[in-house]
Amino acid sequence: MLYIGSHVSFTNKDQLVGSVEEANSYGANTFMFYTGAPQNTNRSKIDKDITKEAFSLMKKYGINASKVIVHAPYIINLANNKEEEKYEFSKRFLKEEISRCHELNIHYLVLHPGSHVGLGEEVAITNITNALNEILNNSYDVIVLLETMAGKGTEVGRTIDEVKSIIDKIDHKDKIGICLDTCHLNDAGYDVSNFDSILDEIDSKIGLSYVKCVHVNDSKNPIDSHKDRHANIGFGTIGFDNLIKIIYNSRLDNIPKILETPYIGEYAPYKEEIDMIKNKKFNSHIFDEKLEK
């Protein structure tokens, strides 16, 4: 089955109910959200009554709660332990985000592996795995999904081998997984027009069962650019047909596909993009009216 959705907001007032309503307005049957601003530590207390109402709404709207994704904030960096205080902060904050996922009854948390900022990949991978082995030693039913990265700056996780190196050293294998990002893979140097070859490599080196989410983004950049600039579906260098093949690849069936494409001005494009994906038909003029404003 196709599970398609997008990033949605999560506000202090409406919390998960607002997220569900927004996702439904786009015609989505899954979604992804941050539990607070991704750039800071401000977090509101989870309201159990709102969460209960949100799960009732998901059932009403045909949104599969088991496919909903939380994204960890950008400020977490487990790769860098140059400053012990910042490293400990990252670990502590990730533990808190996992606890919030548990409170919200969400089972998947996407995490950027981090940036080594000069320490080198080997040290960074050790830092990441040491942190995750400490963090994942918990009783929560939450799986941390390592996102494949574009290789911008000193990002870790730009290759399947780097992701494998992390997963190999994780003690709680049942609490770790992978989130593939089509833009990141393209910008990291992978030919996403032959996505089965990427899945073959993941399957042989790690295991395809670890893939639990796919971020579906076109790219503003050529392959191997290491820039990480998302484009709207069909309006980038990857192209609509290639993305449709990825979304409907039978090996990724039942895995949630999440759009993180850019707004057009202040307009969220997700309803139109989800419609194009469901119809498997690209409309190059779909945003003309929005672009003119």
C-alpha atoms as a PDB file:
ATOM      1  CA  MET A   1       0.000   0.000   0.000  1.00  0.00           C
ATOM      2  CA  LEU A   2       1.076   3.573  -0.670  1.00  0.00           C
ATOM      3  CA  TYR A   3       1.629   5.673   2.447  1.00  0.00           C
ATOM      4  CA  ILE A   4       2.276   9.233   1.330  1.00  0.00           C
ATOM      5  CA  GLY A   5       2.414  12.416   3.366  1.00  0.00           C
ATOM      6  CA  SER A   6       4.529  15.436   4.158  1.00  0.00           C
ATOM      7  CA  HIS A   7       6.075  17.449   6.898  1.00  0.00           C
ATOM      8  CA  VAL A   8       3.381  19.216   8.950  1.00  0.00           C
ATOM      9  CA  SER A   9       3.414  21.626  11.891  1.00  0.00           C
ATOM     10  CA  PHE A  10       3.067  20.810  15.587  1.00  0.00           C
ATOM     11  CA  THR A  11       2.070  23.804  17.696  1.00  0.00           C
ATOM     12  CA  ASN A  12       1.987  24.259  21.469  1.00  0.00           C
ATOM     13  CA  LYS A  13      -1.774  24.836  21.375  1.00  0.00           C
ATOM     14  CA  ASP A  14      -3.119  22.192  18.976  1.00  0.00           C
ATOM     15  CA  GLN A  15      -0.238  19.713  19.169  1.00  0.00           C
ATOM     16  CA  LEU A  16      -0.935  16.417  17.380  1.00  0.00           C
ATOM     17  CA  VAL A  17      -4.545  17.335  16.521  1.00  0.00           C
ATOM     18  CA  GLY A  18      -3.286  20.258  14.448  1.00  0.00           C
ATOM     19  CA  SER A  19      -0.758  17.984  12.730  1.00  0.00           C
ATOM     20  CA  VAL A  20      -3.458  15.459  11.815  1.00  0.00           C
ATOM     21  CA  GLU A  21      -5.822  18.145  10.502  1.00  0.00           C
ATOM     22  CA  GLU A  22      -3.067  19.631   8.341  1.00  0.00           C
ATOM     23  CA  ALA A  23      -2.078  16.228   6.956  1.00  0.00           C
ATOM     24  CA  ASN A  24      -5.696  15.441   6.117  1.00  0.00           C
ATOM     25  CA  SER A  25      -6.041  18.753   4.262  1.00  0.00           C
ATOM     26  CA  TYR A  26      -3.274  17.573   1.920  1.00  0.00           C
ATOM     27  CA  GLY A  27      -4.945  14.216   1.238  1.00  0.00           C
ATOM     28  CA  ALA A  28      -2.170  12.405   3.121  1.00  0.00           C
ATOM     29  CA  ASN A  29      -2.416   9.084   4.953  1.00  0.00           C
ATOM     30  CA  THR A  30       0.783   9.613   6.941  1.00  0.00           C
ATOM     31  CA  PHE A  31       2.888  12.604   8.006  1.00  0.00           C
ATOM     32  CA  MET A  32       6.032  13.779   9.768  1.00  0.00           C
ATOM     33  CA  PHE A  33       6.525  16.524  12.349  1.00  0.00           C
ATOM     34  CA  TYR A  34       8.944  18.039  14.824  1.00  0.00           C
ATOM     35  CA  THR A  35       7.734  18.033  18.439  1.00  0.00           C
ATOM     36  CA  GLY A  36       9.030  21.621  18.697  1.00  0.00           C
ATOM     37  CA  ALA A  37      11.185  24.036  16.726  1.00  0.00           C
ATOM     38  CA  PRO A  38      14.097  22.112  15.130  1.00  0.00           C
ATOM     39  CA  GLN A  39      16.582  24.897  15.915  1.00  0.00           C
ATOM     40  CA  ASN A  40      15.996  25.210  19.679  1.00  0.00           C
ATOM     41  CA  THR A  41      15.093  23.341  22.863  1.00  0.00           C
ATOM     42  CA  ASN A  42      11.687  24.932  23.507  1.00  0.00           C
ATOM     43  CA  ARG A  43       9.190  22.133  24.034  1.00  0.00           C
ATOM     44  CA  SER A  44       5.632  22.192  25.365  1.00  0.00           C
ATOM     45  CA  LYS A  45       4.285  19.528  27.703  1.00  0.00           C
ATOM     46  CA  ILE A  46       2.490  16.765  25.807  1.00  0.00           C
ATOM     47  CA  ASP A  47      -1.252  16.946  26.435  1.00  0.00           C
ATOM     48  CA  LYS A  48      -2.621  13.403  26.742  1.00  0.00           C
ATOM     49  CA  ASP A  49      -6.180  14.449  25.939  1.00  0.00           C
ATOM     50  CA  ILE A  50      -5.103  16.149  22.698  1.00  0.00           C
ATOM     51  CA  THR A  51      -3.070  13.083  21.765  1.00  0.00           C
ATOM     52  CA  LYS A  52      -6.074  10.821  22.369  1.00  0.00           C
ATOM     53  CA  GLU A  53      -8.235  13.073  20.199  1.00  0.00           C
ATOM     54  CA  ALA A  54      -5.574  13.048  17.478  1.00  0.00           C
ATOM     55  CA  PHE A  55      -5.575   9.253  17.304  1.00  0.00           C
ATOM     56  CA  SER A  56      -9.361   9.259  16.961  1.00  0.00           C
ATOM     57  CA  LEU A  57      -9.041  11.758  14.104  1.00  0.00           C
ATOM     58  CA  MET A  58      -6.393   9.630  12.394  1.00  0.00           C
ATOM     59  CA  LYS A  59      -8.770   6.683  12.449  1.00  0.00           C
ATOM     60  CA  LYS A  60     -11.568   8.877  11.067  1.00  0.00           C
ATOM     61  CA  TYR A  61      -9.410  10.263   8.247  1.00  0.00           C
ATOM     62  CA  GLY A  62      -7.746   6.971   7.292  1.00  0.00           C
ATOM     63  CA  ILE A  63      -4.303   8.027   8.475  1.00  0.00           C
ATOM     64  CA  ASN A  64      -2.224   5.072   9.642  1.00  0.00           C
ATOM     65  CA  ALA A  65      -0.857   6.074  13.065  1.00  0.00           C
ATOM     66  CA  SER A  66       1.794   3.346  12.911  1.00  0.00           C
ATOM     67  CA  LYS A  67       3.360   5.051   9.867  1.00  0.00           C
ATOM     68  CA  VAL A  68       3.655   8.534  11.397  1.00  0.00           C
ATOM     69  CA  ILE A  69       7.186   9.913  11.790  1.00  0.00           C
ATOM     70  CA  VAL A  70       8.846  12.368  14.176  1.00  0.00           C
ATOM     71  CA  HIS A  71      11.996  14.182  13.069  1.00  0.00           C
ATOM     72  CA  ALA A  72      14.662  14.958  15.672  1.00  0.00           C
ATOM     73  CA  PRO A  73      15.866  18.584  15.834  1.00  0.00           C
ATOM     74  CA  TYR A  74      18.899  19.733  13.872  1.00  0.00           C
ATOM     75  CA  ILE A  75      20.703  20.921  16.988  1.00  0.00           C
ATOM     76  CA  ILE A  76      21.478  17.337  18.005  1.00  0.00           C
ATOM     77  CA  ASN A  77      24.988  16.364  16.896  1.00  0.00           C
ATOM     78  CA  LEU A  78      26.199  13.017  18.212  1.00  0.00           C
ATOM     79  CA  ALA A  79      29.255  12.996  15.921  1.00  0.00           C
ATOM     80  CA  ASN A  80      31.164  15.764  17.676  1.00  0.00           C
ATOM     81  CA  ASN A  81      32.542  15.379  21.202  1.00  0.00           C
ATOM     82  CA  LYS A  82      35.121  18.184  21.041  1.00  0.00           C
ATOM     83  CA  GLU A  83      33.167  19.977  23.742  1.00  0.00           C
ATOM     84  CA  GLU A  84      31.909  17.487  26.306  1.00  0.00           C
ATOM     85  CA  GLU A  85      29.100  19.779  27.457  1.00  0.00           C
ATOM     86  CA  LYS A  86      27.612  20.033  23.938  1.00  0.00           C
ATOM     87  CA  TYR A  87      28.010  16.296  23.369  1.00  0.00           C
ATOM     88  CA  GLU A  88      26.203  15.529  26.632  1.00  0.00           C
ATOM     89  CA  PHE A  89      23.494  18.039  25.703  1.00  0.00           C
ATOM     90  CA  SER A  90      22.901  16.241  22.377  1.00  0.00           C
ATOM     91  CA  LYS A  91      22.567  12.914  24.125  1.00  0.00           C
ATOM     92  CA  ARG A  92      20.253  14.315  26.785  1.00  0.00           C
ATOM     93  CA  PHE A  93      18.044  16.081  24.273  1.00  0.00           C
ATOM     94  CA  LEU A  94      17.730  13.000  22.060  1.00  0.00           C
ATOM     95  CA  LYS A  95      16.701  10.975  25.111  1.00  0.00           C
ATOM     96  CA  GLU A  96      14.016  13.585  25.792  1.00  0.00           C
ATOM     97  CA  GLU A  97      12.785  13.448  22.179  1.00  0.00           C
ATOM     98  CA  ILE A  98      12.509   9.672  22.365  1.00  0.00           C
ATOM     99  CA  SER A  99      10.517  10.051  25.587  1.00  0.00           C
ATOM    100  CA  ARG A 100       8.203  12.545  23.842  1.00  0.00           C
ATOM    101  CA  CYS A 101       7.686  10.089  20.967  1.00  0.00           C
ATOM    102  CA  HIS A 102       6.706   7.488  23.555  1.00  0.00           C
ATOM    103  CA  GLU A 103       4.225   9.918  25.122  1.00  0.00           C
ATOM    104  CA  LEU A 104       2.753  10.602  21.676  1.00  0.00           C
ATOM    105  CA  ASN A 105       2.684   6.859  20.826  1.00  0.00           C
ATOM    106  CA  ILE A 106       4.854   7.467  17.734  1.00  0.00           C
ATOM    107  CA  HIS A 107       7.335   4.706  16.956  1.00  0.00           C
ATOM    108  CA  TYR A 108       9.803   6.252  14.476  1.00  0.00           C
ATOM    109  CA  LEU A 109      12.226   9.114  15.061  1.00  0.00           C
ATOM    110  CA  VAL A 110      14.409  10.310  12.145  1.00  0.00           C
ATOM    111  CA  LEU A 111      17.876  11.524  13.140  1.00  0.00           C
ATOM    112  CA  HIS A 112      20.663  13.226  11.193  1.00  0.00           C
ATOM    113  CA  PRO A 113      23.775  11.271  12.219  1.00  0.00           C
ATOM    114  CA  GLY A 114      25.738  14.489  12.754  1.00  0.00           C
ATOM    115  CA  SER A 115      28.814  16.376  11.550  1.00  0.00           C
ATOM    116  CA  HIS A 116      32.355  15.589  12.653  1.00  0.00           C
ATOM    117  CA  VAL A 117      33.568  19.224  12.326  1.00  0.00           C
ATOM    118  CA  GLY A 118      37.142  18.164  11.729  1.00  0.00           C
ATOM    119  CA  LEU A 119      37.373  15.070  13.914  1.00  0.00           C
ATOM    120  CA  GLY A 120      37.162  12.736  10.922  1.00  0.00           C
ATOM    121  CA  GLU A 121      34.609  10.044  10.049  1.00  0.00           C
ATOM    122  CA  GLU A 122      36.126   7.263  12.133  1.00  0.00           C
ATOM    123  CA  VAL A 123      36.044   9.264  15.369  1.00  0.00           C
ATOM    124  CA  ALA A 124      32.589  10.609  14.494  1.00  0.00           C
ATOM    125  CA  ILE A 125      31.157   7.125  13.949  1.00  0.00           C
ATOM    126  CA  THR A 126      32.576   6.017  17.305  1.00  0.00           C
ATOM    127  CA  ASN A 127      30.995   9.037  18.976  1.00  0.00           C
ATOM    128  CA  ILE A 128      27.636   8.360  17.319  1.00  0.00           C
ATOM    129  CA  THR A 129      27.566   4.672  18.209  1.00  0.00           C
ATOM    130  CA  ASN A 130      28.715   5.258  21.783  1.00  0.00           C
ATOM    131  CA  ALA A 131      25.943   7.822  22.238  1.00  0.00           C
ATOM    132  CA  LEU A 132      23.252   5.688  20.602  1.00  0.00           C
ATOM    133  CA  ASN A 133      24.191   2.604  22.615  1.00  0.00           C
ATOM    134  CA  GLU A 134      23.668   4.653  25.756  1.00  0.00           C
ATOM    135  CA  ILE A 135      20.467   6.312  24.503  1.00  0.00           C
ATOM    136  CA  LEU A 136      18.801   3.208  23.027  1.00  0.00           C
ATOM    137  CA  ASN A 137      19.185   1.297  26.283  1.00  0.00           C
ATOM    138  CA  ASN A 138      15.603   2.122  27.227  1.00  0.00           C
ATOM    139  CA  SER A 139      12.181   0.508  27.510  1.00  0.00           C
ATOM    140  CA  TYR A 140      10.505   2.662  24.858  1.00  0.00           C
ATOM    141  CA  ASP A 141       9.063   1.243  21.635  1.00  0.00           C
ATOM    142  CA  VAL A 142      10.776   3.909  19.512  1.00  0.00           C
ATOM    143  CA  ILE A 143      13.128   3.199  16.593  1.00  0.00           C
ATOM    144  CA  VAL A 144      15.749   5.808  15.679  1.00  0.00           C
ATOM    145  CA  LEU A 145      16.109   6.094  11.893  1.00  0.00           C
ATOM    146  CA  LEU A 146      19.489   7.310  10.624  1.00  0.00           C
ATOM    147  CA  GLU A 147      18.924   9.591   7.661  1.00  0.00           C
ATOM    148  CA  THR A 148      21.149   9.292   4.597  1.00  0.00           C
ATOM    149  CA  MET A 149      22.891  12.631   4.128  1.00  0.00           C
ATOM    150  CA  ALA A 150      24.102  14.684   1.138  1.00  0.00           C
ATOM    151  CA  GLY A 151      27.673  15.019   2.417  1.00  0.00           C
ATOM    152  CA  LYS A 152      27.502  18.776   2.897  1.00  0.00           C
ATOM    153  CA  GLY A 153      30.432  20.041   4.949  1.00  0.00           C
ATOM    154  CA  THR A 154      31.505  17.323   7.387  1.00  0.00           C
ATOM    155  CA  GLU A 155      28.212  15.411   7.517  1.00  0.00           C
ATOM    156  CA  VAL A 156      28.390  11.750   8.463  1.00  0.00           C
ATOM    157  CA  GLY A 157      26.079   9.262   6.779  1.00  0.00           C
ATOM    158  CA  ARG A 158      26.654  10.331   3.192  1.00  0.00           C
ATOM    159  CA  THR A 159      27.388   6.760   2.068  1.00  0.00           C
ATOM    160  CA  ILE A 160      25.732   3.428   2.714  1.00  0.00           C
ATOM    161  CA  ASP A 161      29.051   2.204   4.096  1.00  0.00           C
ATOM    162  CA  GLU A 162      29.065   4.964   6.724  1.00  0.00           C
ATOM    163  CA  VAL A 163      25.509   4.120   7.761  1.00  0.00           C
ATOM    164  CA  LYS A 164      26.506   0.447   7.916  1.00  0.00           C
ATOM    165  CA  SER A 165      29.493   1.302  10.118  1.00  0.00           C
ATOM    166  CA  ILE A 166      27.151   2.904  12.638  1.00  0.00           C
ATOM    167  CA  ILE A 167      24.497   0.182  12.591  1.00  0.00           C
ATOM    168  CA  ASP A 168      27.100  -2.587  12.889  1.00  0.00           C
ATOM    169  CA  LYS A 169      28.156  -1.195  16.272  1.00  0.00           C
ATOM    170  CA  ILE A 170      24.664  -0.676  17.699  1.00  0.00           C
ATOM    171  CA  ASP A 171      23.792  -3.053  20.533  1.00  0.00           C
ATOM    172  CA  HIS A 172      20.003  -2.747  20.278  1.00  0.00           C
ATOM    173  CA  LYS A 173      19.524  -3.580  16.602  1.00  0.00           C
ATOM    174  CA  ASP A 174      15.743  -3.617  17.059  1.00  0.00           C
ATOM    175  CA  LYS A 175      15.846   0.109  17.886  1.00  0.00           C
ATOM    176  CA  ILE A 176      17.805   1.353  14.877  1.00  0.00           C
ATOM    177  CA  GLY A 177      16.779   1.818  11.250  1.00  0.00           C
ATOM    178  CA  ILE A 178      17.325   3.896   8.115  1.00  0.00           C
ATOM    179  CA  CYS A 179      15.518   6.821   6.495  1.00  0.00           C
ATOM    180  CA  LEU A 180      16.406   7.234   2.820  1.00  0.00           C
ATOM    181  CA  ASP A 181      16.305  10.748   1.357  1.00  0.00           C
ATOM    182  CA  THR A 182      16.150  10.917  -2.436  1.00  0.00           C
ATOM    183  CA  CYS A 183      17.651  14.425  -2.670  1.00  0.00           C
ATOM    184  CA  HIS A 184      20.431  13.531  -0.243  1.00  0.00           C
ATOM    185  CA  LEU A 185      21.251  10.323  -2.102  1.00  0.00           C
ATOM    186  CA  ASN A 186      21.425  12.197  -5.405  1.00  0.00           C
ATOM    187  CA  ASP A 187      23.588  14.956  -3.946  1.00  0.00           C
ATOM    188  CA  ALA A 188      25.825  12.372  -2.246  1.00  0.00           C
ATOM    189  CA  GLY A 189      26.587  10.785  -5.617  1.00  0.00           C
ATOM    190  CA  TYR A 190      24.092   7.928  -5.939  1.00  0.00           C
ATOM    191  CA  ASP A 191      22.239   7.415  -9.242  1.00  0.00           C
ATOM    192  CA  VAL A 192      18.636   7.428  -8.022  1.00  0.00           C
ATOM    193  CA  SER A 193      17.386   6.703 -11.558  1.00  0.00           C
ATOM    194  CA  ASN A 194      18.567   3.145 -10.828  1.00  0.00           C
ATOM    195  CA  PHE A 195      17.118   2.927  -7.333  1.00  0.00           C
ATOM    196  CA  ASP A 196      17.087  -0.854  -7.267  1.00  0.00           C
ATOM    197  CA  SER A 197      20.885  -0.848  -7.364  1.00  0.00           C
ATOM    198  CA  ILE A 198      20.866   1.368  -4.238  1.00  0.00           C
ATOM    199  CA  LEU A 199      18.392  -0.963  -2.540  1.00  0.00           C
ATOM    200  CA  ASP A 200      20.561  -3.940  -3.566  1.00  0.00           C
ATOM    201  CA  GLU A 201      23.595  -2.350  -1.899  1.00  0.00           C
ATOM    202  CA  ILE A 202      21.638  -1.602   1.266  1.00  0.00           C
ATOM    203  CA  ASP A 203      20.235  -5.134   1.304  1.00  0.00           C
ATOM    204  CA  SER A 204      23.632  -6.788   0.883  1.00  0.00           C
ATOM    205  CA  LYS A 205      25.497  -4.572   3.364  1.00  0.00           C
ATOM    206  CA  ILE A 206      22.867  -3.812   6.037  1.00  0.00           C
ATOM    207  CA  GLY A 207      19.535  -5.450   5.241  1.00  0.00           C
ATOM    208  CA  LEU A 208      16.541  -3.879   3.518  1.00  0.00           C
ATOM    209  CA  SER A 209      14.395  -4.514   6.590  1.00  0.00           C
ATOM    210  CA  TYR A 210      16.179  -1.594   8.284  1.00  0.00           C
ATOM    211  CA  VAL A 211      14.612   0.903   5.832  1.00  0.00           C
ATOM    212  CA  LYS A 212      11.554   2.307   7.611  1.00  0.00           C
ATOM    213  CA  CYS A 213      10.976   5.670   5.905  1.00  0.00           C
ATOM    214  CA  VAL A 214      11.714   7.492   2.639  1.00  0.00           C
ATOM    215  CA  HIS A 215      11.968  11.263   2.335  1.00  0.00           C
ATOM    216  CA  VAL A 216      10.812  12.053  -1.185  1.00  0.00           C
ATOM    217  CA  ASN A 217      12.434  15.224  -2.490  1.00  0.00           C
ATOM    218  CA  ASP A 218      13.580  16.390  -5.883  1.00  0.00           C
ATOM    219  CA  SER A 219      16.975  18.134  -5.985  1.00  0.00           C
ATOM    220  CA  LYS A 220      18.058  21.529  -7.238  1.00  0.00           C
ATOM    221  CA  ASN A 221      21.552  20.135  -7.777  1.00  0.00           C
ATOM    222  CA  PRO A 222      23.315  17.722 -10.110  1.00  0.00           C
ATOM    223  CA  ILE A 223      24.382  14.333  -8.826  1.00  0.00           C
ATOM    224  CA  ASP A 224      27.396  14.311  -6.458  1.00  0.00           C
ATOM    225  CA  SER A 225      27.107  18.046  -5.675  1.00  0.00           C
ATOM    226  CA  HIS A 226      27.017  17.584  -1.852  1.00  0.00           C
ATOM    227  CA  LYS A 227      24.765  20.641  -1.476  1.00  0.00           C
ATOM    228  CA  ASP A 228      21.410  19.377  -0.097  1.00  0.00           C
ATOM    229  CA  ARG A 229      18.920  21.753  -1.695  1.00  0.00           C
ATOM    230  CA  HIS A 230      15.445  20.272  -2.085  1.00  0.00           C
ATOM    231  CA  ALA A 231      13.225  20.977  -5.100  1.00  0.00           C
ATOM    232  CA  ASN A 232       9.521  20.412  -5.625  1.00  0.00           C
ATOM    233  CA  ILE A 233       8.479  17.068  -7.090  1.00  0.00           C
ATOM    234  CA  GLY A 234       9.289  16.999 -10.801  1.00  0.00           C
ATOM    235  CA  PHE A 235      10.911  20.441 -10.809  1.00  0.00           C
ATOM    236  CA  GLY A 236      14.465  19.315 -10.077  1.00  0.00           C
ATOM    237  CA  THR A 237      17.302  17.271 -11.513  1.00  0.00           C
ATOM    238  CA  ILE A 238      15.908  13.905 -10.333  1.00  0.00           C
ATOM    239  CA  GLY A 239      12.639  14.328 -12.204  1.00  0.00           C
ATOM    240  CA  PHE A 240       9.060  13.208 -11.724  1.00  0.00           C
ATOM    241  CA  ASP A 241       9.317   9.825 -13.467  1.00  0.00           C
ATOM    242  CA  ASN A 242      12.311   8.732 -11.394  1.00  0.00           C
ATOM    243  CA  LEU A 243      10.602   9.768  -8.170  1.00  0.00           C
ATOM    244  CA  ILE A 244       7.400   7.934  -9.126  1.00  0.00           C
ATOM    245  CA  LYS A 245       9.426   4.773  -9.729  1.00  0.00           C
ATOM    246  CA  ILE A 246      10.965   5.112  -6.271  1.00  0.00           C
ATOM    247  CA  ILE A 247       7.643   5.833  -4.549  1.00  0.00           C
ATOM    248  CA  TYR A 248       5.940   2.857  -6.201  1.00  0.00           C
ATOM    249  CA  ASN A 249       8.907   0.466  -5.980  1.00  0.00           C
ATOM    250  CA  SER A 250       7.421  -2.798  -4.683  1.00  0.00           C
ATOM    251  CA  ARG A 251      10.418  -3.305  -2.391  1.00  0.00           C
ATOM    252  CA  LEU A 252       9.401  -0.147  -0.535  1.00  0.00           C
ATOM    253  CA  ASP A 253       5.715  -1.013  -0.312  1.00  0.00           C
ATOM    254  CA  ASN A 254       4.064  -0.074   3.007  1.00  0.00           C
ATOM    255  CA  ILE A 255       7.014   2.147   3.958  1.00  0.00           C
ATOM    256  CA  PRO A 256       5.928   5.772   4.599  1.00  0.00           C
ATOM    257  CA  LYS A 257       7.012   8.291   1.951  1.00  0.00           C
ATOM    258  CA  ILE A 258       7.351  11.827   3.287  1.00  0.00           C
ATOM    259  CA  LEU A 259       7.610  15.042   1.248  1.00  0.00           C
ATOM    260  CA  GLU A 260       9.972  17.740   2.518  1.00  0.00           C
ATOM    261  CA  THR A 261       9.755  19.909  -0.577  1.00  0.00           C
ATOM    262  CA  PRO A 262      10.067  23.708  -0.309  1.00  0.00           C
ATOM    263  CA  TYR A 263       7.178  26.089   0.106  1.00  0.00           C
ATOM    264  CA  ILE A 264       6.271  28.228  -2.890  1.00  0.00           C
ATOM    265  CA  GLY A 265       6.479  31.622  -1.277  1.00  0.00           C
ATOM    266  CA  GLU A 266       4.377  31.039   1.830  1.00  0.00           C
ATOM    267  CA  TYR A 267       2.292  28.283   0.223  1.00  0.00           C
ATOM    268  CA  ALA A 268       2.647  24.619   1.211  1.00  0.00           C
ATOM    269  CA  PRO A 269       2.621  22.616  -2.061  1.00  0.00           C
ATOM    270  CA  TYR A 270       1.843  19.227  -0.566  1.00  0.00           C
ATOM    271  CA  LYS A 271      -1.761  18.722  -1.669  1.00  0.00           C
ATOM    272  CA  GLU A 272      -0.842  19.309  -5.310  1.00  0.00           C
ATOM    273  CA  GLU A 273       2.263  17.141  -5.078  1.00  0.00           C
ATOM    274  CA  ILE A 274       0.401  14.297  -3.369  1.00  0.00           C
ATOM    275  CA  ASP A 275      -2.316  14.490  -6.041  1.00  0.00           C
ATOM    276  CA  MET A 276       0.315  14.244  -8.796  1.00  0.00           C
ATOM    277  CA  ILE A 277       1.894  11.265  -7.041  1.00  0.00           C
ATOM    278  CA  LYS A 278      -1.421   9.458  -6.609  1.00  0.00           C
ATOM    279  CA  ASN A 279      -2.330  10.101 -10.254  1.00  0.00           C
ATOM    280  CA  LYS A 280       1.235   9.360 -11.453  1.00  0.00           C
ATOM    281  CA  LYS A 281       0.949  12.355 -13.744  1.00  0.00           C
ATOM    282  CA  PHE A 282       3.209  15.409 -13.737  1.00  0.00           C
ATOM    283  CA  ASN A 283       1.765  18.894 -14.293  1.00  0.00           C
ATOM    284  CA  SER A 284       4.532  21.408 -14.979  1.00  0.00           C
ATOM    285  CA  HIS A 285       2.053  24.293 -14.630  1.00  0.00           C
ATOM    286  CA  ILE A 286       0.506  23.210 -11.337  1.00  0.00           C
ATOM    287  CA  PHE A 287       2.120  26.032  -9.361  1.00  0.00           C
ATOM    288  CA  ASP A 288       1.958  28.773 -12.009  1.00  0.00           C
ATOM    289  CA  GLU A 289      -0.736  30.710 -10.151  1.00  0.00           C
ATOM    290  CA  LYS A 290       1.234  30.560  -6.896  1.00  0.00           C
ATOM    291  CA  LEU A 291       4.459  31.614  -8.611  1.00  0.00           C
ATOM    292  CA  GLU A 292       2.764  34.637 -10.158  1.00  0.00           C
ATOM    293  CA  LYS A 293       1.703  36.023  -6.773  1.00  0.00           C
END
